[in-house]
Amino acid sequence: MAFRRNRATISRHWPILIGDIQLDAERHFVEKHGKTVYLTTKECDMLHFLMANAGKVLAHSKLLRTIWGPEFENEVEYLQTFVRQIRMKIEDDPANPRYLLTELNIGYRFSDALSKRD
């Protein structure tokens, strides 16, 4: 529910392009290197929230509350599973991510230091 309010506030910024990842959440469309990336609805919601807040560290509890609701606030393992799935789809090397970064014992951050490759 909170995510929908946030999405309405930031939807004017679409599409979001960071590095080689382009996201249009209203169309549920993600591209990497010009190729379509298929995400589930929750994966897309999570990626949207992370990219819309690129450069900011988002605490586990904040991500869980925003994407899944307050009843999931302490389900960190659940969140880790989704992060792993998203990394498998958007990272060149999921074991050494450059987009979706872990902030140990805090949460996750989508890198804002990436520029579009020529």
PDB file of N, CA and C in Angstrom:
ATOM      1  N   MET A   1       0.813  -1.189   0.000  1.00  0.00           N
ATOM      2  CA  MET A   1       0.000   0.000   0.000  1.00  0.00           C
ATOM      3  C   MET A   1       0.869   1.272   0.000  1.00  0.00           C
ATOM      4  N   ALA A   2       1.858   1.305   0.874  1.00  0.00           N
ATOM      5  CA  ALA A   2       2.748   2.465   0.910  1.00  0.00           C
ATOM      6  C   ALA A   2       3.498   2.596  -0.401  1.00  0.00           C
ATOM      7  N   PHE A   3       3.804   1.470  -1.037  1.00  0.00           N
ATOM      8  CA  PHE A   3       4.542   1.504  -2.282  1.00  0.00           C
ATOM      9  C   PHE A   3       3.735   2.204  -3.363  1.00  0.00           C
ATOM     10  N   ARG A   4       2.455   1.954  -3.408  1.00  0.00           N
ATOM     11  CA  ARG A   4       1.621   2.603  -4.420  1.00  0.00           C
ATOM     12  C   ARG A   4       1.654   4.120  -4.265  1.00  0.00           C
ATOM     13  N   ARG A   5       1.637   4.587  -3.032  1.00  0.00           N
ATOM     14  CA  ARG A   5       1.737   6.041  -2.817  1.00  0.00           C
ATOM     15  C   ARG A   5       3.088   6.544  -3.305  1.00  0.00           C
ATOM     16  N   ASN A   6       4.155   5.815  -2.987  1.00  0.00           N
ATOM     17  CA  ASN A   6       5.488   6.213  -3.445  1.00  0.00           C
ATOM     18  C   ASN A   6       5.578   6.168  -4.956  1.00  0.00           C
ATOM     19  N   ARG A   7       5.009   5.157  -5.577  1.00  0.00           N
ATOM     20  CA  ARG A   7       5.064   5.031  -7.031  1.00  0.00           C
ATOM     21  C   ARG A   7       4.382   6.233  -7.679  1.00  0.00           C
ATOM     22  N   ALA A   8       3.237   6.647  -7.164  1.00  0.00           N
ATOM     23  CA  ALA A   8       2.532   7.795  -7.737  1.00  0.00           C
ATOM     24  C   ALA A   8       3.377   9.055  -7.638  1.00  0.00           C
ATOM     25  N   THR A   9       4.108   9.187  -6.557  1.00  0.00           N
ATOM     26  CA  THR A   9       4.935  10.364  -6.349  1.00  0.00           C
ATOM     27  C   THR A   9       6.105  10.408  -7.315  1.00  0.00           C
ATOM     28  N   ILE A  10       6.680   9.264  -7.651  1.00  0.00           N
ATOM     29  CA  ILE A  10       7.879   9.268  -8.472  1.00  0.00           C
ATOM     30  C   ILE A  10       7.642   8.800  -9.903  1.00  0.00           C
ATOM     31  N   SER A  11       6.418   8.475 -10.281  1.00  0.00           N
ATOM     32  CA  SER A  11       6.164   7.936 -11.608  1.00  0.00           C
ATOM     33  C   SER A  11       6.499   8.923 -12.725  1.00  0.00           C
ATOM     34  N   ARG A  12       6.559  10.199 -12.429  1.00  0.00           N
ATOM     35  CA  ARG A  12       6.884  11.186 -13.461  1.00  0.00           C
ATOM     36  C   ARG A  12       8.337  11.060 -13.928  1.00  0.00           C
ATOM     37  N   HIS A  13       9.138  10.266 -13.255  1.00  0.00           N
ATOM     38  CA  HIS A  13      10.545  10.106 -13.593  1.00  0.00           C
ATOM     39  C   HIS A  13      10.804   8.942 -14.545  1.00  0.00           C
ATOM     40  N   TRP A  14       9.785   8.380 -15.129  1.00  0.00           N
ATOM     41  CA  TRP A  14       9.965   7.194 -15.977  1.00  0.00           C
ATOM     42  C   TRP A  14      10.344   7.579 -17.369  1.00  0.00           C
ATOM     43  N   PRO A  15      11.100   6.754 -18.058  1.00  0.00           N
ATOM     44  CA  PRO A  15      11.779   5.586 -17.517  1.00  0.00           C
ATOM     45  C   PRO A  15      13.020   5.972 -16.719  1.00  0.00           C
ATOM     46  N   ILE A  16      13.430   5.081 -15.850  1.00  0.00           N
ATOM     47  CA  ILE A  16      14.669   5.278 -15.102  1.00  0.00           C
ATOM     48  C   ILE A  16      15.760   4.524 -15.857  1.00  0.00           C
ATOM     49  N   LEU A  17      16.882   5.188 -16.086  1.00  0.00           N
ATOM     50  CA  LEU A  17      18.016   4.562 -16.748  1.00  0.00           C
ATOM     51  C   LEU A  17      19.240   4.740 -15.868  1.00  0.00           C
ATOM     52  N   ILE A  18      19.782   3.631 -15.415  1.00  0.00           N
ATOM     53  CA  ILE A  18      21.011   3.641 -14.613  1.00  0.00           C
ATOM     54  C   ILE A  18      21.924   2.580 -15.198  1.00  0.00           C
ATOM     55  N   GLY A  19      23.082   3.009 -15.657  1.00  0.00           N
ATOM     56  CA  GLY A  19      23.994   2.086 -16.314  1.00  0.00           C
ATOM     57  C   GLY A  19      23.328   1.499 -17.537  1.00  0.00           C
ATOM     58  N   ASP A  20      23.273   0.188 -17.608  1.00  0.00           N
ATOM     59  CA  ASP A  20      22.659  -0.511 -18.739  1.00  0.00           C
ATOM     60  C   ASP A  20      21.237  -0.979 -18.434  1.00  0.00           C
ATOM     61  N   ILE A  21      20.706  -0.576 -17.296  1.00  0.00           N
ATOM     62  CA  ILE A  21      19.373  -1.014 -16.882  1.00  0.00           C
ATOM     63  C   ILE A  21      18.374   0.115 -17.119  1.00  0.00           C
ATOM     64  N   GLN A  22      17.326  -0.196 -17.850  1.00  0.00           N
ATOM     65  CA  GLN A  22      16.232   0.753 -18.053  1.00  0.00           C
ATOM     66  C   GLN A  22      14.967   0.124 -17.490  1.00  0.00           C
ATOM     67  N   LEU A  23      14.229   0.900 -16.705  1.00  0.00           N
ATOM     68  CA  LEU A  23      13.023   0.405 -16.050  1.00  0.00           C
ATOM     69  C   LEU A  23      11.874   1.364 -16.287  1.00  0.00           C
ATOM     70  N   ASP A  24      10.779   0.834 -16.770  1.00  0.00           N
ATOM     71  CA  ASP A  24       9.525   1.574 -16.885  1.00  0.00           C
ATOM     72  C   ASP A  24       8.503   0.780 -16.081  1.00  0.00           C
ATOM     73  N   ALA A  25       8.323   1.154 -14.837  1.00  0.00           N
ATOM     74  CA  ALA A  25       7.469   0.379 -13.928  1.00  0.00           C
ATOM     75  C   ALA A  25       6.000   0.439 -14.314  1.00  0.00           C
ATOM     76  N   GLU A  26       5.567   1.540 -14.894  1.00  0.00           N
ATOM     77  CA  GLU A  26       4.160   1.634 -15.296  1.00  0.00           C
ATOM     78  C   GLU A  26       3.829   0.600 -16.370  1.00  0.00           C
ATOM     79  N   ARG A  27       4.789   0.312 -17.225  1.00  0.00           N
ATOM     80  CA  ARG A  27       4.596  -0.690 -18.277  1.00  0.00           C
ATOM     81  C   ARG A  27       5.123  -2.062 -17.859  1.00  0.00           C
ATOM     82  N   HIS A  28       5.717  -2.139 -16.655  1.00  0.00           N
ATOM     83  CA  HIS A  28       6.316  -3.385 -16.157  1.00  0.00           C
ATOM     84  C   HIS A  28       7.338  -3.879 -17.180  1.00  0.00           C
ATOM     85  N   PHE A  29       8.249  -2.973 -17.552  1.00  0.00           N
ATOM     86  CA  PHE A  29       9.214  -3.247 -18.615  1.00  0.00           C
ATOM     87  C   PHE A  29      10.617  -2.949 -18.130  1.00  0.00           C
ATOM     88  N   VAL A  30      11.499  -3.945 -18.276  1.00  0.00           N
ATOM     89  CA  VAL A  30      12.895  -3.792 -17.885  1.00  0.00           C
ATOM     90  C   VAL A  30      13.761  -4.254 -19.051  1.00  0.00           C
ATOM     91  N   GLU A  31      14.791  -3.459 -19.331  1.00  0.00           N
ATOM     92  CA  GLU A  31      15.758  -3.814 -20.359  1.00  0.00           C
ATOM     93  C   GLU A  31      17.161  -3.724 -19.802  1.00  0.00           C
ATOM     94  N   LYS A  32      18.012  -4.625 -20.263  1.00  0.00           N
ATOM     95  CA  LYS A  32      19.433  -4.568 -19.933  1.00  0.00           C
ATOM     96  C   LYS A  32      20.200  -4.800 -21.230  1.00  0.00           C
ATOM     97  N   HIS A  33      21.103  -3.884 -21.545  1.00  0.00           N
ATOM     98  CA  HIS A  33      21.843  -3.943 -22.806  1.00  0.00           C
ATOM     99  C   HIS A  33      20.874  -4.037 -23.989  1.00  0.00           C
ATOM    100  N   GLY A  34      19.704  -3.406 -23.880  1.00  0.00           N
ATOM    101  CA  GLY A  34      18.729  -3.409 -24.964  1.00  0.00           C
ATOM    102  C   GLY A  34      17.910  -4.675 -25.080  1.00  0.00           C
ATOM    103  N   LYS A  35      18.098  -5.627 -24.156  1.00  0.00           N
ATOM    104  CA  LYS A  35      17.340  -6.885 -24.183  1.00  0.00           C
ATOM    105  C   LYS A  35      16.347  -6.907 -23.032  1.00  0.00           C
ATOM    106  N   THR A  36      15.156  -7.405 -23.307  1.00  0.00           N
ATOM    107  CA  THR A  36      14.109  -7.474 -22.298  1.00  0.00           C
ATOM    108  C   THR A  36      14.494  -8.425 -21.175  1.00  0.00           C
ATOM    109  N   VAL A  37      14.261  -7.975 -19.934  1.00  0.00           N
ATOM    110  CA  VAL A  37      14.479  -8.788 -18.737  1.00  0.00           C
ATOM    111  C   VAL A  37      13.102  -9.051 -18.140  1.00  0.00           C
ATOM    112  N   TYR A  38      12.782 -10.303 -17.929  1.00  0.00           N
ATOM    113  CA  TYR A  38      11.471 -10.663 -17.398  1.00  0.00           C
ATOM    114  C   TYR A  38      11.530 -10.772 -15.887  1.00  0.00           C
ATOM    115  N   LEU A  39      10.751  -9.921 -15.216  1.00  0.00           N
ATOM    116  CA  LEU A  39      10.667  -9.908 -13.759  1.00  0.00           C
ATOM    117  C   LEU A  39       9.244 -10.191 -13.333  1.00  0.00           C
ATOM    118  N   THR A  40       9.100 -10.817 -12.167  1.00  0.00           N
ATOM    119  CA  THR A  40       7.775 -10.967 -11.583  1.00  0.00           C
ATOM    120  C   THR A  40       7.306  -9.587 -11.126  1.00  0.00           C
ATOM    121  N   THR A  41       6.056  -9.470 -10.777  1.00  0.00           N
ATOM    122  CA  THR A  41       5.515  -8.197 -10.311  1.00  0.00           C
ATOM    123  C   THR A  41       6.255  -7.707  -9.075  1.00  0.00           C
ATOM    124  N   LYS A  42       6.497  -8.581  -8.109  1.00  0.00           N
ATOM    125  CA  LYS A  42       7.211  -8.186  -6.885  1.00  0.00           C
ATOM    126  C   LYS A  42       8.654  -7.816  -7.181  1.00  0.00           C
ATOM    127  N   GLU A  43       9.311  -8.560  -8.065  1.00  0.00           N
ATOM    128  CA  GLU A  43      10.672  -8.219  -8.447  1.00  0.00           C
ATOM    129  C   GLU A  43      10.719  -6.839  -9.088  1.00  0.00           C
ATOM    130  N   CYS A  44       9.769  -6.566  -9.960  1.00  0.00           N
ATOM    131  CA  CYS A  44       9.707  -5.259 -10.626  1.00  0.00           C
ATOM    132  C   CYS A  44       9.431  -4.154  -9.604  1.00  0.00           C
ATOM    133  N   ASP A  45       8.509  -4.388  -8.677  1.00  0.00           N
ATOM    134  CA  ASP A  45       8.219  -3.409  -7.628  1.00  0.00           C
ATOM    135  C   ASP A  45       9.465  -3.109  -6.796  1.00  0.00           C
ATOM    136  N   MET A  46      10.179  -4.165  -6.448  1.00  0.00           N
ATOM    137  CA  MET A  46      11.377  -3.986  -5.631  1.00  0.00           C
ATOM    138  C   MET A  46      12.465  -3.248  -6.410  1.00  0.00           C
ATOM    139  N   LEU A  47      12.690  -3.642  -7.661  1.00  0.00           N
ATOM    140  CA  LEU A  47      13.691  -2.974  -8.480  1.00  0.00           C
ATOM    141  C   LEU A  47      13.327  -1.509  -8.687  1.00  0.00           C
ATOM    142  N   HIS A  48      12.062  -1.237  -8.901  1.00  0.00           N
ATOM    143  CA  HIS A  48      11.585   0.142  -9.056  1.00  0.00           C
ATOM    144  C   HIS A  48      11.897   0.972  -7.812  1.00  0.00           C
ATOM    145  N   PHE A  49      11.587   0.439  -6.653  1.00  0.00           N
ATOM    146  CA  PHE A  49      11.829   1.172  -5.404  1.00  0.00           C
ATOM    147  C   PHE A  49      13.320   1.419  -5.201  1.00  0.00           C
ATOM    148  N   LEU A  50      14.133   0.411  -5.477  1.00  0.00           N
ATOM    149  CA  LEU A  50      15.580   0.561  -5.331  1.00  0.00           C
ATOM    150  C   LEU A  50      16.145   1.571  -6.327  1.00  0.00           C
ATOM    151  N   MET A  51      15.739   1.479  -7.591  1.00  0.00           N
ATOM    152  CA  MET A  51      16.257   2.399  -8.609  1.00  0.00           C
ATOM    153  C   MET A  51      15.759   3.831  -8.391  1.00  0.00           C
ATOM    154  N   ALA A  52      14.533   3.976  -7.936  1.00  0.00           N
ATOM    155  CA  ALA A  52      13.990   5.308  -7.665  1.00  0.00           C
ATOM    156  C   ALA A  52      14.714   5.973  -6.501  1.00  0.00           C
ATOM    157  N   ASN A  53      15.343   5.161  -5.669  1.00  0.00           N
ATOM    158  CA  ASN A  53      16.110   5.656  -4.524  1.00  0.00           C
ATOM    159  C   ASN A  53      17.599   5.360  -4.687  1.00  0.00           C
ATOM    160  N   ALA A  54      18.073   5.315  -5.926  1.00  0.00           N
ATOM    161  CA  ALA A  54      19.461   4.957  -6.223  1.00  0.00           C
ATOM    162  C   ALA A  54      20.427   5.796  -5.398  1.00  0.00           C
ATOM    163  N   GLY A  55      21.431   5.119  -4.872  1.00  0.00           N
ATOM    164  CA  GLY A  55      22.446   5.768  -4.051  1.00  0.00           C
ATOM    165  C   GLY A  55      22.116   5.775  -2.576  1.00  0.00           C
ATOM    166  N   LYS A  56      20.867   5.546  -2.229  1.00  0.00           N
ATOM    167  CA  LYS A  56      20.451   5.529  -0.822  1.00  0.00           C
ATOM    168  C   LYS A  56      20.455   4.103  -0.294  1.00  0.00           C
ATOM    169  N   VAL A  57      20.918   3.947   0.927  1.00  0.00           N
ATOM    170  CA  VAL A  57      20.850   2.650   1.590  1.00  0.00           C
ATOM    171  C   VAL A  57      19.427   2.487   2.120  1.00  0.00           C
ATOM    172  N   LEU A  58      18.785   1.398   1.708  1.00  0.00           N
ATOM    173  CA  LEU A  58      17.425   1.112   2.155  1.00  0.00           C
ATOM    174  C   LEU A  58      17.475  -0.069   3.113  1.00  0.00           C
ATOM    175  N   ALA A  59      17.055   0.158   4.328  1.00  0.00           N
ATOM    176  CA  ALA A  59      17.086  -0.875   5.370  1.00  0.00           C
ATOM    177  C   ALA A  59      16.188  -2.043   4.993  1.00  0.00           C
ATOM    178  N   HIS A  60      16.582  -3.226   5.466  1.00  0.00           N
ATOM    179  CA  HIS A  60      15.780  -4.428   5.234  1.00  0.00           C
ATOM    180  C   HIS A  60      14.316  -4.180   5.590  1.00  0.00           C
ATOM    181  N   SER A  61      14.079  -3.660   6.782  1.00  0.00           N
ATOM    182  CA  SER A  61      12.706  -3.465   7.253  1.00  0.00           C
ATOM    183  C   SER A  61      11.942  -2.483   6.363  1.00  0.00           C
ATOM    184  N   LYS A  62      12.601  -1.445   5.867  1.00  0.00           N
ATOM    185  CA  LYS A  62      11.960  -0.463   4.987  1.00  0.00           C
ATOM    186  C   LYS A  62      11.546  -1.118   3.667  1.00  0.00           C
ATOM    187  N   LEU A  63      12.441  -1.896   3.087  1.00  0.00           N
ATOM    188  CA  LEU A  63      12.117  -2.595   1.847  1.00  0.00           C
ATOM    189  C   LEU A  63      10.958  -3.571   2.042  1.00  0.00           C
ATOM    190  N   LEU A  64      11.022  -4.339   3.106  1.00  0.00           N
ATOM    191  CA  LEU A  64       9.973  -5.324   3.366  1.00  0.00           C
ATOM    192  C   LEU A  64       8.620  -4.663   3.618  1.00  0.00           C
ATOM    193  N   ARG A  65       8.603  -3.620   4.426  1.00  0.00           N
ATOM    194  CA  ARG A  65       7.342  -2.892   4.695  1.00  0.00           C
ATOM    195  C   ARG A  65       6.792  -2.275   3.422  1.00  0.00           C
ATOM    196  N   THR A  66       7.643  -1.663   2.633  1.00  0.00           N
ATOM    197  CA  THR A  66       7.205  -0.948   1.446  1.00  0.00           C
ATOM    198  C   THR A  66       6.698  -1.881   0.357  1.00  0.00           C
ATOM    199  N   ILE A  67       7.396  -2.954   0.112  1.00  0.00           N
ATOM    200  CA  ILE A  67       7.044  -3.855  -0.989  1.00  0.00           C
ATOM    201  C   ILE A  67       6.003  -4.890  -0.584  1.00  0.00           C
ATOM    202  N   TRP A  68       6.145  -5.481   0.594  1.00  0.00           N
ATOM    203  CA  TRP A  68       5.252  -6.570   0.998  1.00  0.00           C
ATOM    204  C   TRP A  68       4.251  -6.189   2.081  1.00  0.00           C
ATOM    205  N   GLY A  69       4.528  -5.160   2.850  1.00  0.00           N
ATOM    206  CA  GLY A  69       3.618  -4.754   3.917  1.00  0.00           C
ATOM    207  C   GLY A  69       4.238  -4.953   5.282  1.00  0.00           C
ATOM    208  N   PRO A  70       3.657  -4.311   6.303  1.00  0.00           N
ATOM    209  CA  PRO A  70       4.243  -4.323   7.645  1.00  0.00           C
ATOM    210  C   PRO A  70       4.353  -5.707   8.275  1.00  0.00           C
ATOM    211  N   GLU A  71       3.516  -6.635   7.870  1.00  0.00           N
ATOM    212  CA  GLU A  71       3.572  -7.979   8.450  1.00  0.00           C
ATOM    213  C   GLU A  71       4.815  -8.757   8.011  1.00  0.00           C
ATOM    214  N   PHE A  72       5.532  -8.273   7.005  1.00  0.00           N
ATOM    215  CA  PHE A  72       6.741  -8.926   6.510  1.00  0.00           C
ATOM    216  C   PHE A  72       8.023  -8.227   6.966  1.00  0.00           C
ATOM    217  N   GLU A  73       7.907  -7.268   7.844  1.00  0.00           N
ATOM    218  CA  GLU A  73       9.009  -6.402   8.265  1.00  0.00           C
ATOM    219  C   GLU A  73      10.259  -7.136   8.744  1.00  0.00           C
ATOM    220  N   ASN A  74      10.090  -8.322   9.308  1.00  0.00           N
ATOM    221  CA  ASN A  74      11.233  -9.053   9.861  1.00  0.00           C
ATOM    222  C   ASN A  74      11.658 -10.262   9.026  1.00  0.00           C
ATOM    223  N   GLU A  75      11.141 -10.387   7.825  1.00  0.00           N
ATOM    224  CA  GLU A  75      11.418 -11.546   6.962  1.00  0.00           C
ATOM    225  C   GLU A  75      12.637 -11.303   6.074  1.00  0.00           C
ATOM    226  N   VAL A  76      13.795 -11.108   6.689  1.00  0.00           N
ATOM    227  CA  VAL A  76      15.017 -10.775   5.955  1.00  0.00           C
ATOM    228  C   VAL A  76      15.404 -11.890   4.984  1.00  0.00           C
ATOM    229  N   GLU A  77      15.208 -13.141   5.345  1.00  0.00           N
ATOM    230  CA  GLU A  77      15.544 -14.241   4.449  1.00  0.00           C
ATOM    231  C   GLU A  77      14.698 -14.172   3.179  1.00  0.00           C
ATOM    232  N   TYR A  78      13.463 -13.776   3.318  1.00  0.00           N
ATOM    233  CA  TYR A  78      12.554 -13.606   2.192  1.00  0.00           C
ATOM    234  C   TYR A  78      13.110 -12.552   1.243  1.00  0.00           C
ATOM    235  N   LEU A  79      13.557 -11.459   1.800  1.00  0.00           N
ATOM    236  CA  LEU A  79      14.143 -10.364   1.024  1.00  0.00           C
ATOM    237  C   LEU A  79      15.418 -10.823   0.318  1.00  0.00           C
ATOM    238  N   GLN A  80      16.248 -11.566   1.006  1.00  0.00           N
ATOM    239  CA  GLN A  80      17.498 -12.062   0.418  1.00  0.00           C
ATOM    240  C   GLN A  80      17.223 -12.932  -0.808  1.00  0.00           C
ATOM    241  N   THR A  81      16.165 -13.707  -0.753  1.00  0.00           N
ATOM    242  CA  THR A  81      15.788 -14.556  -1.885  1.00  0.00           C
ATOM    243  C   THR A  81      15.437 -13.701  -3.096  1.00  0.00           C
ATOM    244  N   PHE A  82      14.663 -12.654  -2.895  1.00  0.00           N
ATOM    245  CA  PHE A  82      14.280 -11.777  -3.998  1.00  0.00           C
ATOM    246  C   PHE A  82      15.480 -11.026  -4.560  1.00  0.00           C
ATOM    247  N   VAL A  83      16.373 -10.581  -3.712  1.00  0.00           N
ATOM    248  CA  VAL A  83      17.580  -9.894  -4.167  1.00  0.00           C
ATOM    249  C   VAL A  83      18.405 -10.845  -5.033  1.00  0.00           C
ATOM    250  N   ARG A  84      18.549 -12.071  -4.587  1.00  0.00           N
ATOM    251  CA  ARG A  84      19.300 -13.076  -5.352  1.00  0.00           C
ATOM    252  C   ARG A  84      18.659 -13.291  -6.732  1.00  0.00           C
ATOM    253  N   GLN A  85      17.327 -13.388  -6.779  1.00  0.00           N
ATOM    254  CA  GLN A  85      16.622 -13.586  -8.048  1.00  0.00           C
ATOM    255  C   GLN A  85      16.814 -12.393  -8.987  1.00  0.00           C
ATOM    256  N   ILE A  86      16.712 -11.190  -8.453  1.00  0.00           N
ATOM    257  CA  ILE A  86      16.901  -9.988  -9.276  1.00  0.00           C
ATOM    258  C   ILE A  86      18.335  -9.916  -9.783  1.00  0.00           C
ATOM    259  N   ARG A  87      19.288 -10.192  -8.921  1.00  0.00           N
ATOM    260  CA  ARG A  87      20.702 -10.179  -9.352  1.00  0.00           C
ATOM    261  C   ARG A  87      20.945 -11.169 -10.481  1.00  0.00           C
ATOM    262  N   MET A  88      20.329 -12.334 -10.423  1.00  0.00           N
ATOM    263  CA  MET A  88      20.507 -13.334 -11.481  1.00  0.00           C
ATOM    264  C   MET A  88      20.018 -12.793 -12.830  1.00  0.00           C
ATOM    265  N   LYS A  89      19.072 -11.876 -12.786  1.00  0.00           N
ATOM    266  CA  LYS A  89      18.474 -11.356 -14.010  1.00  0.00           C
ATOM    267  C   LYS A  89      19.126 -10.068 -14.523  1.00  0.00           C
ATOM    268  N   ILE A  90      19.710  -9.256 -13.633  1.00  0.00           N
ATOM    269  CA  ILE A  90      20.225  -7.960 -14.091  1.00  0.00           C
ATOM    270  C   ILE A  90      21.739  -7.811 -14.013  1.00  0.00           C
ATOM    271  N   GLU A  91      22.390  -8.641 -13.255  1.00  0.00           N
ATOM    272  CA  GLU A  91      23.840  -8.499 -13.082  1.00  0.00           C
ATOM    273  C   GLU A  91      24.588  -9.360 -14.102  1.00  0.00           C
ATOM    274  N   ASP A  92      25.708  -8.845 -14.624  1.00  0.00           N
ATOM    275  CA  ASP A  92      26.572  -9.647 -15.493  1.00  0.00           C
ATOM    276  C   ASP A  92      27.194 -10.786 -14.693  1.00  0.00           C
ATOM    277  N   ASP A  93      27.568 -10.498 -13.455  1.00  0.00           N
ATOM    278  CA  ASP A  93      28.153 -11.477 -12.548  1.00  0.00           C
ATOM    279  C   ASP A  93      27.432 -11.346 -11.196  1.00  0.00           C
ATOM    280  N   PRO A  94      26.366 -12.122 -10.992  1.00  0.00           N
ATOM    281  CA  PRO A  94      25.575 -11.989  -9.765  1.00  0.00           C
ATOM    282  C   PRO A  94      26.385 -12.142  -8.476  1.00  0.00           C
ATOM    283  N   ALA A  95      27.490 -12.868  -8.520  1.00  0.00           N
ATOM    284  CA  ALA A  95      28.334 -13.055  -7.330  1.00  0.00           C
ATOM    285  C   ALA A  95      29.133 -11.793  -7.004  1.00  0.00           C
ATOM    286  N   ASN A  96      29.308 -10.933  -7.981  1.00  0.00           N
ATOM    287  CA  ASN A  96      30.024  -9.664  -7.808  1.00  0.00           C
ATOM    288  C   ASN A  96      29.179  -8.531  -8.387  1.00  0.00           C
ATOM    289  N   PRO A  97      28.090  -8.204  -7.718  1.00  0.00           N
ATOM    290  CA  PRO A  97      27.150  -7.231  -8.284  1.00  0.00           C
ATOM    291  C   PRO A  97      27.731  -5.823  -8.399  1.00  0.00           C
ATOM    292  N   ARG A  98      27.301  -5.108  -9.437  1.00  0.00           N
ATOM    293  CA  ARG A  98      27.679  -3.707  -9.576  1.00  0.00           C
ATOM    294  C   ARG A  98      26.462  -2.791  -9.522  1.00  0.00           C
ATOM    295  N   TYR A  99      25.279  -3.363  -9.609  1.00  0.00           N
ATOM    296  CA  TYR A  99      24.047  -2.584  -9.518  1.00  0.00           C
ATOM    297  C   TYR A  99      23.421  -2.685  -8.129  1.00  0.00           C
ATOM    298  N   LEU A 100      23.008  -3.879  -7.771  1.00  0.00           N
ATOM    299  CA  LEU A 100      22.275  -4.122  -6.532  1.00  0.00           C
ATOM    300  C   LEU A 100      23.259  -4.554  -5.450  1.00  0.00           C
ATOM    301  N   LEU A 101      23.615  -3.595  -4.592  1.00  0.00           N
ATOM    302  CA  LEU A 101      24.680  -3.787  -3.615  1.00  0.00           C
ATOM    303  C   LEU A 101      24.145  -4.064  -2.220  1.00  0.00           C
ATOM    304  N   THR A 102      24.845  -4.917  -1.498  1.00  0.00           N
ATOM    305  CA  THR A 102      24.500  -5.245  -0.117  1.00  0.00           C
ATOM    306  C   THR A 102      25.215  -4.295   0.824  1.00  0.00           C
ATOM    307  N   GLU A 103      24.480  -3.749   1.764  1.00  0.00           N
ATOM    308  CA  GLU A 103      25.060  -2.965   2.865  1.00  0.00           C
ATOM    309  C   GLU A 103      24.935  -3.860   4.088  1.00  0.00           C
ATOM    310  N   LEU A 104      26.049  -4.492   4.458  1.00  0.00           N
ATOM    311  CA  LEU A 104      26.067  -5.521   5.487  1.00  0.00           C
ATOM    312  C   LEU A 104      25.306  -5.134   6.747  1.00  0.00           C
ATOM    313  N   ASN A 105      24.417  -6.007   7.166  1.00  0.00           N
ATOM    314  CA  ASN A 105      23.600  -5.864   8.379  1.00  0.00           C
ATOM    315  C   ASN A 105      22.672  -4.654   8.357  1.00  0.00           C
ATOM    316  N   ILE A 106      22.511  -4.011   7.202  1.00  0.00           N
ATOM    317  CA  ILE A 106      21.630  -2.843   7.116  1.00  0.00           C
ATOM    318  C   ILE A 106      20.541  -3.068   6.072  1.00  0.00           C
ATOM    319  N   GLY A 107      20.964  -3.285   4.818  1.00  0.00           N
ATOM    320  CA  GLY A 107      19.996  -3.425   3.746  1.00  0.00           C
ATOM    321  C   GLY A 107      20.663  -3.470   2.389  1.00  0.00           C
ATOM    322  N   TYR A 108      20.054  -2.779   1.422  1.00  0.00           N
ATOM    323  CA  TYR A 108      20.539  -2.799   0.050  1.00  0.00           C
ATOM    324  C   TYR A 108      20.541  -1.393  -0.535  1.00  0.00           C
ATOM    325  N   ARG A 109      21.361  -1.238  -1.580  1.00  0.00           N
ATOM    326  CA  ARG A 109      21.467   0.042  -2.268  1.00  0.00           C
ATOM    327  C   ARG A 109      21.632  -0.255  -3.752  1.00  0.00           C
ATOM    328  N   PHE A 110      20.922   0.513  -4.575  1.00  0.00           N
ATOM    329  CA  PHE A 110      21.125   0.428  -6.014  1.00  0.00           C
ATOM    330  C   PHE A 110      22.148   1.491  -6.371  1.00  0.00           C
ATOM    331  N   SER A 111      23.226   1.094  -7.022  1.00  0.00           N
ATOM    332  CA  SER A 111      24.320   2.019  -7.317  1.00  0.00           C
ATOM    333  C   SER A 111      23.859   3.148  -8.230  1.00  0.00           C
ATOM    334  N   ASP A 112      24.217   4.362  -7.875  1.00  0.00           N
ATOM    335  CA  ASP A 112      23.917   5.519  -8.725  1.00  0.00           C
ATOM    336  C   ASP A 112      25.194   6.034  -9.394  1.00  0.00           C
ATOM    337  N   ALA A 113      26.278   5.284  -9.254  1.00  0.00           N
ATOM    338  CA  ALA A 113      27.573   5.709  -9.779  1.00  0.00           C
ATOM    339  C   ALA A 113      27.869   5.135 -11.150  1.00  0.00           C
ATOM    340  N   LEU A 114      26.870   4.499 -11.768  1.00  0.00           N
ATOM    341  CA  LEU A 114      27.076   3.866 -13.062  1.00  0.00           C
ATOM    342  C   LEU A 114      26.648   4.806 -14.183  1.00  0.00           C
ATOM    343  N   SER A 115      27.411   4.826 -15.222  1.00  0.00           N
ATOM    344  CA  SER A 115      27.034   5.640 -16.366  1.00  0.00           C
ATOM    345  C   SER A 115      26.733   4.733 -17.548  1.00  0.00           C
ATOM    346  N   LYS A 116      25.942   5.229 -18.454  1.00  0.00           N
ATOM    347  CA  LYS A 116      25.572   4.476 -19.668  1.00  0.00           C
ATOM    348  C   LYS A 116      26.830   4.207 -20.474  1.00  0.00           C
ATOM    349  N   ARG A 117      27.009   2.948 -20.866  1.00  0.00           N
ATOM    350  CA  ARG A 117      28.157   2.583 -21.704  1.00  0.00           C
ATOM    351  C   ARG A 117      27.884   3.001 -23.127  1.00  0.00           C
ATOM    352  N   ASP A 118      28.925   3.420 -23.821  1.00  0.00           N
ATOM    353  CA  ASP A 118      28.790   3.787 -25.243  1.00  0.00           C
ATOM    354  C   ASP A 118      29.113   2.624 -26.135  1.00  0.00           C
TER     355      ASP A 118
END
